[in-house]
Amino acid sequence: MSKTLLDGAKVAILVADGFEQSEMTEPRKALEAVGAVTKIVSPKNNTVRGWKHHKTADEFNVDIPLSQAAAHEFDALLLPGGVMNPDALRIDEEAVTFVRDFFKAGKPVAAICHGPWTLIEAGAVQGRTLTSWPSLRTDLTNAGARWVDSEVVVDGNLITSRKPQDLLAFDREMVRLFAGALAHA
């Protein structure tokens, strides 16, 4: 059996209720297709609910409650967007600490859409170039980031993207970034 690009790499997917479902499921499929093991981490203990734009969507089992998760147990982090999800995460000190710990350890992080809101709270955007859903532009700029309108932006160990329509580029570059980071770990 041949080794795959991210064979056995553990990727945390941090979500609360209200994440944009495609921004979790499509990157998750892309990661698992190249051998990564993904785990849904959440402040909730049992299930989290996705959204498809402005309507509720599917429920997903939480693999690891946030209270039992630690960044050192993972190789990378994925932060899906949606409005409610990162809005809830950015005021959850345990979630902010979890995200901050990935950056302190130099581990790769991928965030899409409104996901960078949590990055702001974690103090991880100052001096970086990134993209997001357009409404976050002022928030990111005020936090010291350089915001650009691009389907995907890679800045060191951070990859960001704007919206579900950018998922193909986001997934491709996320896998590339994660694989590169793990090869140098």
Protein backbone atom coordinates (compact mmCIF):
# COMPACT_ATOMS: atom_id res chain seq x y z
CA MET A 1 0.00 0.00 0.00
CA SER A 2 1.45 3.36 -0.98
CA LYS A 3 1.86 6.20 1.47
CA THR A 4 -0.46 9.16 0.92
CA LEU A 5 0.40 12.84 1.20
CA LEU A 6 -0.93 13.37 4.76
CA ASP A 7 -0.82 9.75 5.89
CA GLY A 8 -1.97 9.65 9.50
CA ALA A 9 -1.73 13.41 10.11
CA LYS A 10 -4.23 14.50 12.75
CA VAL A 11 -6.24 17.60 11.84
CA ALA A 12 -8.56 19.32 14.32
CA ILE A 13 -11.69 20.91 12.87
CA LEU A 14 -12.85 23.46 15.42
CA VAL A 15 -16.56 24.31 15.13
CA ALA A 16 -19.56 25.49 17.11
CA ASP A 17 -23.15 25.41 15.88
CA GLY A 18 -23.76 27.49 12.78
CA PHE A 19 -20.70 26.65 10.68
CA GLU A 20 -21.12 26.82 6.92
CA GLN A 21 -21.49 23.11 6.20
CA SER A 22 -19.62 22.98 2.87
CA GLU A 23 -16.68 24.82 4.47
CA MET A 24 -16.31 21.90 6.87
CA THR A 25 -17.32 18.90 4.76
CA GLU A 26 -15.42 19.71 1.56
CA PRO A 27 -12.05 20.47 3.22
CA ARG A 28 -12.57 17.42 5.46
CA LYS A 29 -13.06 15.21 2.38
CA ALA A 30 -9.97 16.72 0.74
CA LEU A 31 -7.87 16.04 3.84
CA GLU A 32 -9.13 12.51 4.34
CA ALA A 33 -8.62 11.72 0.63
CA VAL A 34 -4.88 12.21 1.13
CA GLY A 35 -4.68 10.23 4.37
CA ALA A 36 -5.34 12.75 7.14
CA VAL A 37 -7.36 11.80 10.19
CA THR A 38 -9.84 14.58 10.96
CA LYS A 39 -11.52 15.16 14.30
CA ILE A 40 -14.37 17.55 15.00
CA VAL A 41 -13.52 19.50 18.14
CA SER A 42 -16.23 21.66 19.69
CA PRO A 43 -17.27 23.46 22.85
CA LYS A 44 -20.37 21.26 22.54
CA ASN A 45 -20.11 17.69 23.75
CA ASN A 46 -22.38 15.63 21.49
CA THR A 47 -23.30 17.13 18.12
CA VAL A 48 -22.90 20.36 16.18
CA ARG A 49 -25.19 21.66 13.45
CA GLY A 50 -24.08 23.05 10.15
CA TRP A 51 -25.82 25.63 8.01
CA LYS A 52 -26.28 25.95 4.28
CA HIS A 53 -26.22 29.71 3.85
CA HIS A 54 -29.20 30.91 5.91
CA LYS A 55 -30.86 27.56 6.66
CA THR A 56 -30.05 24.89 9.18
CA ALA A 57 -28.43 21.78 7.74
CA ASP A 58 -27.01 18.53 9.08
CA GLU A 59 -25.81 17.52 12.51
CA PHE A 60 -22.34 16.05 12.99
CA ASN A 61 -20.94 14.11 15.91
CA VAL A 62 -18.33 15.84 18.01
CA ASP A 63 -15.26 13.62 18.14
CA ILE A 64 -13.51 15.46 20.96
CA PRO A 65 -15.08 18.01 23.29
CA LEU A 66 -12.94 21.15 23.37
CA SER A 67 -12.43 20.72 27.12
CA GLN A 68 -10.57 17.46 26.36
CA ALA A 69 -8.58 18.66 23.33
CA ALA A 70 -5.08 20.11 23.15
CA ALA A 71 -3.23 21.57 20.18
CA HIS A 72 -0.18 19.38 20.84
CA GLU A 73 -2.31 16.32 19.98
CA PHE A 74 -2.83 17.57 16.40
CA ASP A 75 -0.69 18.39 13.39
CA ALA A 76 -2.92 21.11 11.90
CA LEU A 77 -6.13 23.08 12.43
CA LEU A 78 -9.10 23.86 10.17
CA LEU A 79 -11.48 26.73 11.00
CA PRO A 80 -14.64 26.68 8.85
CA GLY A 81 -16.69 29.84 8.53
CA GLY A 82 -20.34 30.68 8.69
CA VAL A 83 -21.33 33.68 10.77
CA MET A 84 -22.58 32.12 14.02
CA ASN A 85 -19.77 29.56 14.37
CA PRO A 86 -16.74 31.88 14.57
CA ASP A 87 -18.79 34.48 16.41
CA ALA A 88 -19.37 31.91 19.17
CA LEU A 89 -15.79 30.63 19.10
CA ARG A 90 -14.17 34.05 19.35
CA ILE A 91 -15.85 34.73 22.70
CA ASP A 92 -15.03 31.27 24.07
CA GLU A 93 -11.69 31.65 25.87
CA GLU A 94 -11.00 27.93 25.68
CA ALA A 95 -11.47 28.00 21.88
CA VAL A 96 -9.28 31.10 21.53
CA THR A 97 -6.53 29.45 23.61
CA PHE A 98 -6.79 26.27 21.51
CA VAL A 99 -6.28 28.31 18.31
CA ARG A 100 -3.50 30.41 19.84
CA ASP A 101 -1.65 27.24 20.85
CA PHE A 102 -1.44 26.10 17.21
CA PHE A 103 0.26 29.37 16.30
CA LYS A 104 2.60 29.23 19.31
CA ALA A 105 3.67 25.76 18.16
CA GLY A 106 4.12 26.91 14.55
CA LYS A 107 1.55 24.43 13.28
CA PRO A 108 -0.40 25.10 10.06
CA VAL A 109 -3.87 26.65 10.29
CA ALA A 110 -6.52 26.98 7.57
CA ALA A 111 -9.45 29.41 7.93
CA ILE A 112 -12.21 30.26 5.49
CA CYS A 113 -14.97 32.86 5.26
CA HIS A 114 -15.69 34.24 8.76
CA GLY A 115 -13.17 31.83 10.35
CA PRO A 116 -10.53 34.59 10.71
CA TRP A 117 -12.66 36.23 13.43
CA THR A 118 -11.29 33.60 15.79
CA LEU A 119 -7.77 34.30 14.53
CA ILE A 120 -8.16 37.95 15.51
CA GLU A 121 -9.06 36.98 19.09
CA ALA A 122 -6.11 34.57 19.18
CA GLY A 123 -3.76 37.44 18.28
CA ALA A 124 -2.64 35.63 15.13
CA VAL A 125 -3.23 38.15 12.32
CA GLN A 126 -0.92 41.09 13.10
CA GLY A 127 1.50 41.63 10.23
CA ARG A 128 0.02 38.84 8.11
CA THR A 129 -1.63 38.95 4.68
CA LEU A 130 -4.93 37.14 4.48
CA THR A 131 -8.37 37.05 2.97
CA SER A 132 -11.86 36.35 4.30
CA TRP A 133 -15.49 37.06 3.67
CA PRO A 134 -15.47 40.75 2.63
CA SER A 135 -17.31 41.98 5.73
CA LEU A 136 -14.29 41.05 7.90
CA ARG A 137 -11.95 43.36 5.99
CA THR A 138 -12.15 46.22 8.51
CA ASP A 139 -11.91 43.87 11.51
CA LEU A 140 -8.79 42.25 10.10
CA THR A 141 -7.22 45.54 9.05
CA ASN A 142 -7.88 47.02 12.51
CA ALA A 143 -6.17 43.94 14.02
CA GLY A 144 -3.04 44.66 12.00
CA ALA A 145 -3.51 42.34 9.04
CA ARG A 146 -3.17 43.16 5.36
CA TRP A 147 -6.48 42.08 3.77
CA VAL A 148 -6.60 41.13 0.09
CA ASP A 149 -9.52 40.06 -2.10
CA SER A 150 -8.23 36.73 -3.40
CA GLU A 151 -9.67 33.22 -3.54
CA VAL A 152 -6.86 31.89 -1.37
CA VAL A 153 -3.88 33.39 0.46
CA VAL A 154 -0.98 31.53 2.04
CA ASP A 155 1.13 33.47 4.56
CA GLY A 156 3.65 31.23 6.30
CA ASN A 157 1.74 28.58 8.24
CA LEU A 158 -1.64 30.27 7.65
CA ILE A 159 -3.97 29.78 4.72
CA THR A 160 -7.19 31.76 4.31
CA SER A 161 -9.99 31.86 1.77
CA ARG A 162 -13.15 33.90 1.16
CA LYS A 163 -16.21 31.71 0.58
CA PRO A 164 -17.63 28.35 -0.51
CA GLN A 165 -17.07 29.18 -4.19
CA ASP A 166 -13.31 29.23 -3.44
CA LEU A 167 -13.22 25.75 -1.89
CA LEU A 168 -11.38 24.03 -4.76
CA ALA A 169 -8.45 26.44 -4.48
CA PHE A 170 -8.64 26.47 -0.67
CA ASP A 171 -8.61 22.67 -0.43
CA ARG A 172 -5.73 22.32 -2.89
CA GLU A 173 -3.56 24.89 -1.12
CA MET A 174 -4.52 23.65 2.36
CA VAL A 175 -3.38 20.13 1.52
CA ARG A 176 -0.15 21.53 0.03
CA LEU A 177 0.52 23.72 3.10
CA PHE A 178 -0.25 20.97 5.60
CA ALA A 179 1.89 18.43 3.72
CA GLY A 180 4.79 20.87 3.48
CA ALA A 181 4.60 21.73 7.17
CA LEU A 182 4.51 18.07 8.18
CA ALA A 183 7.45 17.22 5.92
CA HIS A 184 9.51 19.83 7.79
CA ALA A 185 8.26 18.94 11.29
